[in-house]
C-alpha cells in the first residue's frame, strides 16, 4: 500500500523540471522515488526521480 506522503500516484502525467518538453507517466512510487516512463516512448529506459525534480 502506498503512503500518503507522495504527491503523485501511479498513472499521473508529470514533467521533469529540467526537461519539461518530455511528458512522463508515473509508474510507481517507492522509498521517496518516483519511477516514471516516457509517455511518447514507453520502450525508453524509465527515470527514477525525486519529488523535487518533477512537476505536473
N, C-alpha and C. Protein backbone atom coordinates (compact mmCIF):
# COMPACT_ATOMS: atom_id res chain seq x y z
N UNK A 1 0.83 -1.19 0.00
CA UNK A 1 0.00 0.00 0.00
C UNK A 1 0.87 1.25 0.00
N UNK A 2 0.51 2.22 -0.82
CA UNK A 2 1.29 3.44 -0.91
C UNK A 2 0.95 4.38 0.24
N UNK A 3 1.98 5.08 0.71
CA UNK A 3 1.77 6.05 1.78
C UNK A 3 1.20 7.33 1.21
N UNK A 4 0.61 8.14 2.07
CA UNK A 4 0.06 9.41 1.63
C UNK A 4 1.12 10.51 1.58
N UNK A 5 2.38 10.18 1.80
CA UNK A 5 3.44 11.17 1.73
C UNK A 5 3.77 11.56 0.30
N UNK A 6 3.36 10.76 -0.67
CA UNK A 6 3.66 11.08 -2.06
C UNK A 6 2.60 12.00 -2.66
N UNK A 7 3.07 12.90 -3.51
CA UNK A 7 2.22 13.90 -4.14
C UNK A 7 1.53 13.34 -5.38
N UNK A 8 2.20 12.44 -6.08
CA UNK A 8 1.68 11.87 -7.32
C UNK A 8 1.43 10.38 -7.14
N UNK A 9 0.49 9.85 -7.90
CA UNK A 9 0.17 8.42 -7.84
C UNK A 9 0.42 7.79 -9.20
N UNK A 10 0.46 6.48 -9.24
CA UNK A 10 0.68 5.75 -10.49
C UNK A 10 -0.36 6.16 -11.52
N UNK A 11 0.12 6.46 -12.72
CA UNK A 11 -0.76 6.88 -13.81
C UNK A 11 -0.81 8.38 -14.01
N UNK A 12 -0.33 9.16 -13.05
CA UNK A 12 -0.32 10.62 -13.18
C UNK A 12 0.65 11.05 -14.28
N UNK A 13 0.29 12.09 -15.00
CA UNK A 13 1.16 12.69 -16.01
C UNK A 13 1.96 13.79 -15.33
N UNK A 14 3.28 13.73 -15.46
CA UNK A 14 4.17 14.73 -14.86
C UNK A 14 5.24 15.13 -15.87
N UNK A 15 6.01 16.13 -15.51
CA UNK A 15 7.09 16.62 -16.36
C UNK A 15 8.34 16.79 -15.51
N UNK A 16 9.48 16.50 -16.09
CA UNK A 16 10.75 16.71 -15.40
C UNK A 16 11.07 18.20 -15.45
N UNK A 17 11.45 18.79 -14.34
CA UNK A 17 11.70 20.23 -14.28
C UNK A 17 12.81 20.63 -15.25
N UNK A 18 13.87 19.86 -15.35
CA UNK A 18 14.98 20.22 -16.24
C UNK A 18 14.69 19.95 -17.71
N UNK A 19 13.62 19.19 -18.02
CA UNK A 19 13.24 18.90 -19.40
C UNK A 19 11.72 18.84 -19.50
N UNK A 20 11.05 19.99 -19.40
CA UNK A 20 9.58 19.98 -19.38
C UNK A 20 8.92 19.59 -20.70
N UNK A 21 9.69 19.44 -21.76
CA UNK A 21 9.11 19.06 -23.05
C UNK A 21 8.72 17.58 -23.10
N UNK A 22 9.32 16.77 -22.25
CA UNK A 22 9.02 15.33 -22.24
C UNK A 22 7.94 15.00 -21.23
N UNK A 23 6.86 14.42 -21.72
CA UNK A 23 5.77 14.01 -20.84
C UNK A 23 6.10 12.66 -20.23
N UNK A 24 5.94 12.56 -18.91
CA UNK A 24 6.24 11.33 -18.19
C UNK A 24 4.99 10.79 -17.53
N UNK A 25 4.94 9.49 -17.34
CA UNK A 25 3.84 8.84 -16.62
C UNK A 25 4.44 8.16 -15.39
N UNK A 26 3.90 8.47 -14.23
CA UNK A 26 4.38 7.84 -13.00
C UNK A 26 3.98 6.37 -13.04
N UNK A 27 4.96 5.50 -12.90
CA UNK A 27 4.70 4.06 -12.90
C UNK A 27 4.52 3.55 -11.47
N UNK A 28 5.41 4.00 -10.58
CA UNK A 28 5.29 3.60 -9.18
C UNK A 28 6.07 4.54 -8.29
N UNK A 29 5.80 4.48 -7.00
CA UNK A 29 6.46 5.31 -6.00
C UNK A 29 6.97 4.41 -4.90
N UNK A 30 8.28 4.39 -4.69
CA UNK A 30 8.88 3.53 -3.67
C UNK A 30 10.02 4.30 -2.99
N UNK A 31 10.00 4.31 -1.66
CA UNK A 31 11.07 4.92 -0.87
C UNK A 31 11.41 6.34 -1.32
N UNK A 32 10.39 7.15 -1.50
CA UNK A 32 10.52 8.57 -1.88
C UNK A 32 11.06 8.78 -3.28
N UNK A 33 11.02 7.76 -4.12
CA UNK A 33 11.47 7.88 -5.50
C UNK A 33 10.31 7.53 -6.43
N UNK A 34 10.12 8.38 -7.44
CA UNK A 34 9.10 8.14 -8.46
C UNK A 34 9.77 7.49 -9.66
N UNK A 35 9.22 6.39 -10.10
CA UNK A 35 9.72 5.71 -11.29
C UNK A 35 8.76 6.08 -12.43
N UNK A 36 9.29 6.80 -13.40
CA UNK A 36 8.46 7.35 -14.48
C UNK A 36 8.92 6.84 -15.83
N UNK A 37 7.93 6.55 -16.68
CA UNK A 37 8.25 6.15 -18.05
C UNK A 37 7.85 7.29 -18.98
N UNK A 38 8.47 7.32 -20.14
CA UNK A 38 8.17 8.35 -21.12
C UNK A 38 6.84 8.04 -21.80
N UNK A 39 5.93 9.00 -21.82
CA UNK A 39 4.60 8.79 -22.39
C UNK A 39 4.68 8.53 -23.89
N UNK A 40 5.57 9.22 -24.58
CA UNK A 40 5.67 9.10 -26.03
C UNK A 40 6.55 7.95 -26.49
N UNK A 41 7.35 7.39 -25.58
CA UNK A 41 8.27 6.31 -25.93
C UNK A 41 8.38 5.32 -24.76
N UNK A 42 7.36 4.49 -24.57
CA UNK A 42 7.34 3.59 -23.41
C UNK A 42 8.47 2.56 -23.37
N UNK A 43 9.13 2.33 -24.50
CA UNK A 43 10.25 1.38 -24.54
C UNK A 43 11.55 2.00 -24.02
N UNK A 44 11.58 3.31 -23.93
CA UNK A 44 12.77 4.01 -23.45
C UNK A 44 12.96 3.72 -21.96
N UNK A 45 14.21 3.71 -21.53
CA UNK A 45 14.53 3.43 -20.13
C UNK A 45 13.83 4.44 -19.22
N UNK A 46 13.20 3.94 -18.15
CA UNK A 46 12.47 4.83 -17.26
C UNK A 46 13.42 5.65 -16.39
N UNK A 47 12.88 6.72 -15.83
CA UNK A 47 13.64 7.61 -14.97
C UNK A 47 13.25 7.38 -13.52
N UNK A 48 14.21 7.51 -12.63
CA UNK A 48 13.97 7.47 -11.19
C UNK A 48 14.21 8.88 -10.67
N UNK A 49 13.14 9.52 -10.20
CA UNK A 49 13.21 10.94 -9.84
C UNK A 49 12.66 11.19 -8.44
N UNK A 50 13.23 12.19 -7.79
CA UNK A 50 12.68 12.65 -6.51
C UNK A 50 11.54 13.62 -6.80
N UNK A 51 10.66 13.82 -5.83
CA UNK A 51 9.51 14.70 -6.00
C UNK A 51 9.94 16.12 -6.40
N UNK A 52 11.05 16.58 -5.87
CA UNK A 52 11.51 17.95 -6.17
C UNK A 52 11.98 18.10 -7.62
N UNK A 53 12.15 16.99 -8.33
CA UNK A 53 12.62 17.02 -9.71
C UNK A 53 11.49 16.99 -10.74
N UNK A 54 10.24 16.85 -10.28
CA UNK A 54 9.12 16.77 -11.21
C UNK A 54 8.03 17.78 -10.86
N UNK A 55 7.20 18.07 -11.87
CA UNK A 55 6.06 18.98 -11.70
C UNK A 55 4.92 18.44 -12.54
N UNK A 56 3.72 18.93 -12.27
CA UNK A 56 2.58 18.49 -13.10
C UNK A 56 2.01 19.62 -13.88
